[in-house]
């Protein structure tokens, strides 16, 4: 059986429907390359089989990661841009567990769980780049 389509074009960009075990960031990066997306806003929701949230430690200039499993992603939002010729994704998310507790933060990694995950990609015509801001110690979108 052929693999189901993962995206279609819309008037403002693309709609992605990702499936169980898909690596969300890898799929977004592939979409950026295949469709020559200059930059975009993203928003989404769905099932997260594994998600790694990060909280930025300004003293150490690094993310403190926490990996969680089998959550319902209630919100994914972010931007797609470029850094050193490669796709650069900045995304945050909120997810809940089966006890209705919620967790959130910077998304470092995200894999689709049992079900699907839907992402709306709203394309921006201008190619945006990210660069490390030395004062912050993190990538910042350059305007």
N, C-alpha and C. Protein backbone atom coordinates (compact mmCIF):
# COMPACT_ATOMS: atom_id res chain seq x y z
N UNK A 1 0.84 -1.17 0.00
CA UNK A 1 0.00 0.00 0.00
C UNK A 1 0.89 1.24 0.00
N UNK A 2 0.60 2.23 -0.85
CA UNK A 2 1.43 3.43 -0.89
C UNK A 2 1.31 4.25 0.39
N UNK A 3 2.39 4.96 0.70
CA UNK A 3 2.40 5.82 1.89
C UNK A 3 1.41 6.97 1.68
N UNK A 4 0.59 7.29 2.70
CA UNK A 4 -0.35 8.41 2.55
C UNK A 4 0.38 9.74 2.36
N UNK A 5 -0.26 10.64 1.63
CA UNK A 5 0.31 11.98 1.44
C UNK A 5 0.46 12.65 2.79
N UNK A 6 1.51 13.45 2.92
CA UNK A 6 1.76 14.16 4.18
C UNK A 6 1.43 15.64 4.09
N UNK A 7 1.25 16.18 2.87
CA UNK A 7 0.88 17.59 2.76
C UNK A 7 0.17 17.89 1.45
N UNK A 8 -0.62 18.97 1.49
CA UNK A 8 -1.26 19.50 0.30
C UNK A 8 -1.07 21.02 0.31
N UNK A 9 -1.13 21.62 -0.86
CA UNK A 9 -1.05 23.08 -0.97
C UNK A 9 -2.39 23.69 -0.59
N UNK A 10 -2.34 24.87 0.03
CA UNK A 10 -3.53 25.65 0.36
C UNK A 10 -3.32 27.06 -0.20
N UNK A 11 -4.34 27.89 -0.19
CA UNK A 11 -4.15 29.26 -0.72
C UNK A 11 -3.06 30.06 0.02
N UNK A 12 -2.80 29.73 1.28
CA UNK A 12 -1.80 30.49 2.05
C UNK A 12 -0.52 29.72 2.35
N UNK A 13 -0.44 28.49 1.87
CA UNK A 13 0.75 27.68 2.16
C UNK A 13 0.48 26.20 2.00
N UNK A 14 0.49 25.49 3.14
CA UNK A 14 0.34 24.04 3.11
C UNK A 14 -0.40 23.55 4.35
N UNK A 15 -1.05 22.39 4.20
CA UNK A 15 -1.62 21.67 5.33
C UNK A 15 -0.91 20.33 5.39
N UNK A 16 -0.35 20.01 6.56
CA UNK A 16 0.33 18.74 6.76
C UNK A 16 -0.52 17.86 7.67
N UNK A 17 -0.59 16.57 7.34
CA UNK A 17 -1.19 15.58 8.23
C UNK A 17 -0.12 14.51 8.41
N UNK A 18 0.49 14.50 9.59
CA UNK A 18 1.56 13.56 9.88
C UNK A 18 1.00 12.36 10.61
N UNK A 19 1.70 11.23 10.49
CA UNK A 19 1.20 9.96 11.02
C UNK A 19 2.11 9.42 12.12
N UNK A 20 1.60 8.38 12.78
CA UNK A 20 2.31 7.76 13.90
C UNK A 20 3.77 7.50 13.54
N UNK A 21 4.65 7.89 14.45
CA UNK A 21 6.11 7.71 14.38
C UNK A 21 6.81 8.74 13.48
N UNK A 22 6.07 9.60 12.79
CA UNK A 22 6.73 10.64 11.99
C UNK A 22 7.52 11.57 12.90
N UNK A 23 8.72 11.93 12.48
CA UNK A 23 9.53 12.94 13.15
C UNK A 23 9.06 14.29 12.60
N UNK A 24 8.39 15.07 13.44
CA UNK A 24 7.77 16.32 12.99
C UNK A 24 8.79 17.29 12.42
N UNK A 25 9.92 17.47 13.10
CA UNK A 25 10.92 18.43 12.62
C UNK A 25 11.51 17.98 11.29
N UNK A 26 11.79 16.69 11.14
CA UNK A 26 12.34 16.18 9.88
C UNK A 26 11.35 16.39 8.74
N UNK A 27 10.07 16.17 9.00
CA UNK A 27 9.04 16.38 7.97
C UNK A 27 8.91 17.86 7.60
N UNK A 28 8.98 18.74 8.60
CA UNK A 28 8.93 20.18 8.31
C UNK A 28 10.15 20.63 7.50
N UNK A 29 11.33 20.13 7.87
CA UNK A 29 12.54 20.48 7.13
C UNK A 29 12.46 20.00 5.68
N UNK A 30 11.96 18.78 5.49
CA UNK A 30 11.81 18.24 4.13
C UNK A 30 10.82 19.08 3.33
N UNK A 31 9.72 19.48 3.95
CA UNK A 31 8.74 20.33 3.27
C UNK A 31 9.37 21.65 2.84
N UNK A 32 10.16 22.25 3.72
CA UNK A 32 10.82 23.52 3.39
C UNK A 32 11.70 23.37 2.16
N UNK A 33 12.45 22.28 2.10
CA UNK A 33 13.36 22.07 0.96
C UNK A 33 12.57 21.75 -0.31
N UNK A 34 11.65 20.78 -0.21
CA UNK A 34 10.90 20.32 -1.39
C UNK A 34 10.06 21.42 -2.02
N UNK A 35 9.45 22.25 -1.19
CA UNK A 35 8.53 23.28 -1.68
C UNK A 35 9.18 24.66 -1.74
N UNK A 36 10.49 24.73 -1.48
CA UNK A 36 11.24 26.00 -1.52
C UNK A 36 10.53 27.09 -0.71
N UNK A 37 10.20 26.77 0.53
CA UNK A 37 9.51 27.71 1.41
C UNK A 37 10.52 28.73 1.93
N UNK A 38 10.32 30.03 1.66
CA UNK A 38 11.27 31.04 2.13
C UNK A 38 11.23 31.19 3.65
N UNK A 39 10.05 31.19 4.23
CA UNK A 39 9.84 31.21 5.68
C UNK A 39 8.35 31.06 5.90
N UNK A 40 7.95 30.78 7.16
CA UNK A 40 6.54 30.53 7.42
C UNK A 40 6.23 30.58 8.90
N UNK A 41 4.94 30.75 9.18
CA UNK A 41 4.40 30.54 10.52
C UNK A 41 3.81 29.14 10.53
N UNK A 42 3.89 28.45 11.67
CA UNK A 42 3.26 27.14 11.79
C UNK A 42 2.36 27.10 13.02
N UNK A 43 1.28 26.33 12.90
CA UNK A 43 0.42 26.06 14.05
C UNK A 43 -0.12 24.65 13.87
N UNK A 44 -0.30 23.95 14.99
CA UNK A 44 -0.76 22.58 14.88
C UNK A 44 -1.28 22.01 16.17
N UNK A 45 -1.76 20.75 16.05
CA UNK A 45 -2.28 20.00 17.19
C UNK A 45 -2.32 18.53 16.80
N UNK A 46 -2.44 17.68 17.81
CA UNK A 46 -2.54 16.25 17.54
C UNK A 46 -1.92 15.42 18.64
N UNK A 47 -1.54 14.21 18.28
CA UNK A 47 -1.01 13.25 19.25
C UNK A 47 0.52 13.24 19.24
N UNK A 48 1.11 13.31 20.41
CA UNK A 48 2.56 13.27 20.56
C UNK A 48 2.96 11.96 21.22
N UNK A 49 3.65 11.11 20.48
CA UNK A 49 4.15 9.87 21.06
C UNK A 49 5.34 10.15 21.96
N UNK A 50 6.20 11.04 21.51
CA UNK A 50 7.35 11.48 22.31
C UNK A 50 7.61 12.94 22.01
N UNK A 51 7.73 13.73 23.05
CA UNK A 51 8.02 15.15 22.90
C UNK A 51 9.11 15.54 23.88
N UNK A 52 10.07 16.32 23.40
CA UNK A 52 11.10 16.86 24.28
C UNK A 52 10.92 18.37 24.34
N UNK A 53 10.54 18.83 25.54
CA UNK A 53 10.41 20.26 25.79
C UNK A 53 11.75 20.77 26.30
N UNK A 54 12.00 22.04 26.10
CA UNK A 54 13.21 22.66 26.63
C UNK A 54 12.89 23.96 27.32
N UNK A 55 13.59 24.20 28.41
CA UNK A 55 13.50 25.49 29.11
C UNK A 55 14.88 26.11 29.06
N UNK A 56 14.98 27.33 28.52
CA UNK A 56 16.28 27.95 28.29
C UNK A 56 16.88 28.48 29.58
N UNK A 57 18.09 28.01 29.90
CA UNK A 57 18.85 28.47 31.06
C UNK A 57 19.75 29.61 30.57
N UNK A 58 19.40 30.84 30.93
CA UNK A 58 20.15 32.00 30.44
C UNK A 58 21.57 32.07 30.99
N UNK A 59 21.80 31.52 32.17
CA UNK A 59 23.15 31.52 32.74
C UNK A 59 24.07 30.59 31.95
N UNK A 60 23.58 29.37 31.66
CA UNK A 60 24.38 28.38 30.95
C UNK A 60 24.28 28.49 29.43
N UNK A 61 23.32 29.28 28.94
CA UNK A 61 23.09 29.46 27.50
C UNK A 61 22.78 28.13 26.82
N UNK A 62 21.92 27.34 27.48
CA UNK A 62 21.51 26.05 26.92
C UNK A 62 20.12 25.69 27.42
N UNK A 63 19.49 24.75 26.69
CA UNK A 63 18.16 24.30 27.08
C UNK A 63 18.25 23.16 28.09
N UNK A 64 17.40 23.22 29.09
CA UNK A 64 17.23 22.11 30.03
C UNK A 64 16.10 21.25 29.44
N UNK A 65 16.43 20.03 28.94
CA UNK A 65 15.42 19.22 28.26
C UNK A 65 14.62 18.32 29.21
N UNK A 66 13.39 18.04 28.81
CA UNK A 66 12.56 17.06 29.51
C UNK A 66 11.75 16.32 28.44
N UNK A 67 11.95 15.01 28.36
CA UNK A 67 11.24 14.18 27.38
C UNK A 67 10.05 13.51 28.05
N UNK A 68 8.92 13.55 27.35
CA UNK A 68 7.68 12.97 27.86
C UNK A 68 7.06 12.12 26.76
N UNK A 69 6.16 11.22 27.16
CA UNK A 69 5.55 10.29 26.21
C UNK A 69 4.02 10.31 26.28
N UNK A 70 3.42 9.98 25.15
CA UNK A 70 1.97 9.79 25.03
C UNK A 70 1.16 10.95 25.59
N UNK A 71 1.32 12.09 24.95
CA UNK A 71 0.59 13.30 25.32
C UNK A 71 -0.30 13.73 24.16
N UNK A 72 -1.27 14.56 24.47
CA UNK A 72 -2.08 15.19 23.43
C UNK A 72 -1.58 16.61 23.26
N UNK A 73 -1.06 16.90 22.09
CA UNK A 73 -0.53 18.23 21.79
C UNK A 73 -1.70 19.17 21.53
N UNK A 74 -1.92 20.10 22.46
CA UNK A 74 -3.05 21.02 22.34
C UNK A 74 -2.69 22.26 21.56
N UNK A 75 -1.41 22.53 21.43
CA UNK A 75 -0.96 23.68 20.64
C UNK A 75 0.49 23.50 20.23
N UNK A 76 0.75 23.80 18.98
CA UNK A 76 2.10 23.91 18.45
C UNK A 76 2.12 25.21 17.67
N UNK A 77 3.08 26.07 17.96
CA UNK A 77 3.20 27.32 17.19
C UNK A 77 4.67 27.65 17.02
N UNK A 78 4.96 28.33 15.91
CA UNK A 78 6.35 28.69 15.68
C UNK A 78 6.59 29.29 14.32
N UNK A 79 7.88 29.36 13.98
CA UNK A 79 8.29 29.91 12.70
C UNK A 79 9.29 28.99 12.01
N UNK A 80 9.28 29.03 10.69
CA UNK A 80 10.25 28.32 9.87
C UNK A 80 11.11 29.37 9.19
N UNK A 81 12.41 29.21 9.28
CA UNK A 81 13.35 30.14 8.66
C UNK A 81 14.57 29.34 8.22
N UNK A 82 15.70 30.01 8.00
CA UNK A 82 16.92 29.38 7.52
C UNK A 82 18.10 29.84 8.37
N UNK A 83 19.08 28.96 8.51
CA UNK A 83 20.33 29.30 9.20
C UNK A 83 21.45 28.54 8.51
N UNK A 84 22.41 29.27 8.01
CA UNK A 84 23.56 28.66 7.32
C UNK A 84 23.13 27.72 6.20
N UNK A 85 22.10 28.13 5.45
CA UNK A 85 21.63 27.34 4.31
C UNK A 85 20.77 26.14 4.65
N UNK A 86 20.44 25.96 5.92
CA UNK A 86 19.63 24.82 6.35
C UNK A 86 18.34 25.31 7.01
N UNK A 87 17.27 24.50 6.95
CA UNK A 87 16.04 24.89 7.64
C UNK A 87 16.28 25.08 9.14
N UNK A 88 15.61 26.08 9.70
CA UNK A 88 15.72 26.38 11.13
C UNK A 88 14.30 26.53 11.68
N UNK A 89 13.95 25.68 12.62
CA UNK A 89 12.60 25.66 13.19
C UNK A 89 12.65 26.18 14.61
N UNK A 90 11.79 27.15 14.90
CA UNK A 90 11.62 27.64 16.27
C UNK A 90 10.17 27.37 16.63
N UNK A 91 9.95 26.43 17.53
CA UNK A 91 8.58 26.03 17.87
C UNK A 91 8.41 25.87 19.37
N UNK A 92 7.23 26.22 19.81
CA UNK A 92 6.82 26.01 21.20
C UNK A 92 5.55 25.18 21.19
N UNK A 93 5.28 24.52 22.30
CA UNK A 93 4.08 23.70 22.35
C UNK A 93 3.54 23.55 23.76
N UNK A 94 2.30 23.12 23.81
CA UNK A 94 1.62 22.79 25.05
C UNK A 94 0.97 21.43 24.84
N UNK A 95 1.10 20.56 25.84
CA UNK A 95 0.52 19.22 25.72
C UNK A 95 -0.04 18.77 27.06
N UNK A 96 -1.05 17.90 27.00
CA UNK A 96 -1.67 17.40 28.21
C UNK A 96 -1.59 15.89 28.30
N UNK A 97 -1.64 15.40 29.54
CA UNK A 97 -1.61 13.95 29.75
C UNK A 97 -3.01 13.44 30.11
N UNK A 98 -3.09 12.14 30.42
CA UNK A 98 -4.40 11.54 30.70
C UNK A 98 -4.97 11.95 32.06
N UNK A 99 -4.21 12.69 32.86
CA UNK A 99 -4.72 13.24 34.12
C UNK A 99 -5.08 14.72 33.96
N UNK A 100 -5.05 15.20 32.72
CA UNK A 100 -5.39 16.58 32.37
C UNK A 100 -4.40 17.60 32.93
N UNK A 101 -3.16 17.16 33.19
CA UNK A 101 -2.08 18.09 33.52
C UNK A 101 -1.49 18.57 32.21
N UNK A 102 -1.04 19.82 32.18
CA UNK A 102 -0.44 20.34 30.95
C UNK A 102 1.02 20.71 31.18
N UNK A 103 1.76 20.63 30.10
CA UNK A 103 3.19 20.90 30.09
C UNK A 103 3.48 21.73 28.84
N UNK A 104 4.53 22.51 28.88
CA UNK A 104 4.83 23.29 27.69
C UNK A 104 6.22 23.86 27.71
N UNK A 105 6.59 24.41 26.58
CA UNK A 105 7.89 25.05 26.45
C UNK A 105 8.38 25.00 25.02
N UNK A 106 9.65 25.29 24.87
CA UNK A 106 10.32 25.21 23.57
C UNK A 106 10.32 23.74 23.14
N UNK A 107 10.00 23.47 21.89
CA UNK A 107 10.03 22.10 21.39
C UNK A 107 11.41 21.78 20.82
N UNK A 108 12.07 20.81 21.43
CA UNK A 108 13.38 20.36 20.95
C UNK A 108 13.24 19.17 20.01
N UNK A 109 12.22 18.34 20.23
CA UNK A 109 11.96 17.17 19.38
C UNK A 109 10.49 16.78 19.55
N UNK A 110 9.93 16.21 18.49
CA UNK A 110 8.52 15.82 18.53
C UNK A 110 8.27 14.68 17.55
N UNK A 111 7.71 13.60 18.07
CA UNK A 111 7.34 12.45 17.26
C UNK A 111 5.84 12.23 17.40
N UNK A 112 5.17 11.96 16.29
CA UNK A 112 3.73 11.75 16.30
C UNK A 112 3.40 10.44 17.03
N UNK A 113 2.35 10.49 17.85
CA UNK A 113 1.90 9.31 18.59
C UNK A 113 0.84 8.54 17.82
N UNK A 114 0.04 7.75 18.55
CA UNK A 114 -1.03 6.96 17.94
C UNK A 114 -2.12 7.89 17.44
N UNK A 115 -2.20 8.03 16.17
CA UNK A 115 -3.16 8.96 15.57
C UNK A 115 -2.45 9.82 14.56
N UNK A 116 -2.75 11.09 14.56
CA UNK A 116 -2.14 12.00 13.59
C UNK A 116 -1.83 13.34 14.26
N UNK A 117 -1.12 14.16 13.53
CA UNK A 117 -0.79 15.50 13.98
C UNK A 117 -0.94 16.41 12.77
N UNK A 118 -1.74 17.47 12.91
CA UNK A 118 -2.04 18.37 11.80
C UNK A 118 -1.30 19.69 11.99
N UNK A 119 -0.68 20.18 10.93
CA UNK A 119 0.06 21.44 10.99
C UNK A 119 -0.34 22.31 9.80
N UNK A 120 -0.69 23.54 10.11
CA UNK A 120 -0.94 24.55 9.08
C UNK A 120 0.35 25.35 8.90
N UNK A 121 0.80 25.47 7.67
CA UNK A 121 2.02 26.20 7.33
C UNK A 121 1.61 27.42 6.51
N UNK A 122 1.75 28.60 7.10
CA UNK A 122 1.40 29.85 6.41
C UNK A 122 2.69 30.48 5.89
N UNK A 123 2.85 30.46 4.59
CA UNK A 123 4.11 30.89 3.97
C UNK A 123 4.24 32.41 3.99
N UNK A 124 5.46 32.86 4.27
CA UNK A 124 5.86 34.26 4.20
C UNK A 124 6.76 34.39 2.98
N UNK A 125 6.50 35.36 2.12
CA UNK A 125 7.24 35.48 0.86
C UNK A 125 8.71 35.84 1.04
N UNK A 126 9.07 36.45 2.15
CA UNK A 126 10.45 36.87 2.40
C UNK A 126 11.24 35.74 3.05
N UNK A 127 12.44 35.49 2.54
CA UNK A 127 13.30 34.49 3.17
C UNK A 127 13.90 35.10 4.43
N UNK A 128 13.61 34.50 5.56
CA UNK A 128 14.14 34.97 6.84
C UNK A 128 15.25 34.06 7.32
N UNK A 129 16.25 34.66 7.95
CA UNK A 129 17.42 33.93 8.45
C UNK A 129 17.49 34.07 9.97
N UNK A 130 18.11 33.08 10.60
CA UNK A 130 18.39 33.14 12.03
C UNK A 130 19.90 33.24 12.22
N UNK A 131 20.29 33.91 13.30
CA UNK A 131 21.70 33.99 13.68
C UNK A 131 21.77 34.00 15.19
N UNK A 132 22.89 33.54 15.72
CA UNK A 132 23.07 33.53 17.17
C UNK A 132 23.27 34.96 17.65
N UNK A 133 22.48 35.36 18.62
CA UNK A 133 22.63 36.65 19.28
C UNK A 133 23.56 36.42 20.47
N UNK A 134 24.78 36.99 20.45
CA UNK A 134 25.74 36.73 21.53
C UNK A 134 25.23 37.13 22.91
N UNK A 135 24.41 38.17 22.98
CA UNK A 135 23.89 38.60 24.28
C UNK A 135 22.92 37.61 24.89
N UNK A 136 22.22 36.88 24.03
CA UNK A 136 21.25 35.89 24.51
C UNK A 136 21.87 34.50 24.53
N UNK A 137 22.69 34.21 23.53
CA UNK A 137 23.29 32.88 23.41
C UNK A 137 22.37 31.91 22.70
N UNK A 138 21.43 32.44 21.94
CA UNK A 138 20.48 31.59 21.21
C UNK A 138 20.21 32.20 19.84
N UNK A 139 19.65 31.37 18.95
CA UNK A 139 19.29 31.84 17.61
C UNK A 139 18.16 32.85 17.68
N UNK A 140 18.29 33.93 16.90
CA UNK A 140 17.26 34.96 16.84
C UNK A 140 16.95 35.24 15.37
N UNK A 141 15.68 35.40 15.06
CA UNK A 141 15.23 35.73 13.72
C UNK A 141 15.75 37.11 13.33
N UNK A 142 16.37 37.20 12.15
CA UNK A 142 16.92 38.46 11.67
C UNK A 142 15.92 39.11 10.72
N UNK A 143 15.60 40.38 10.95
CA UNK A 143 14.66 41.10 10.08
C UNK A 143 15.40 42.05 9.16
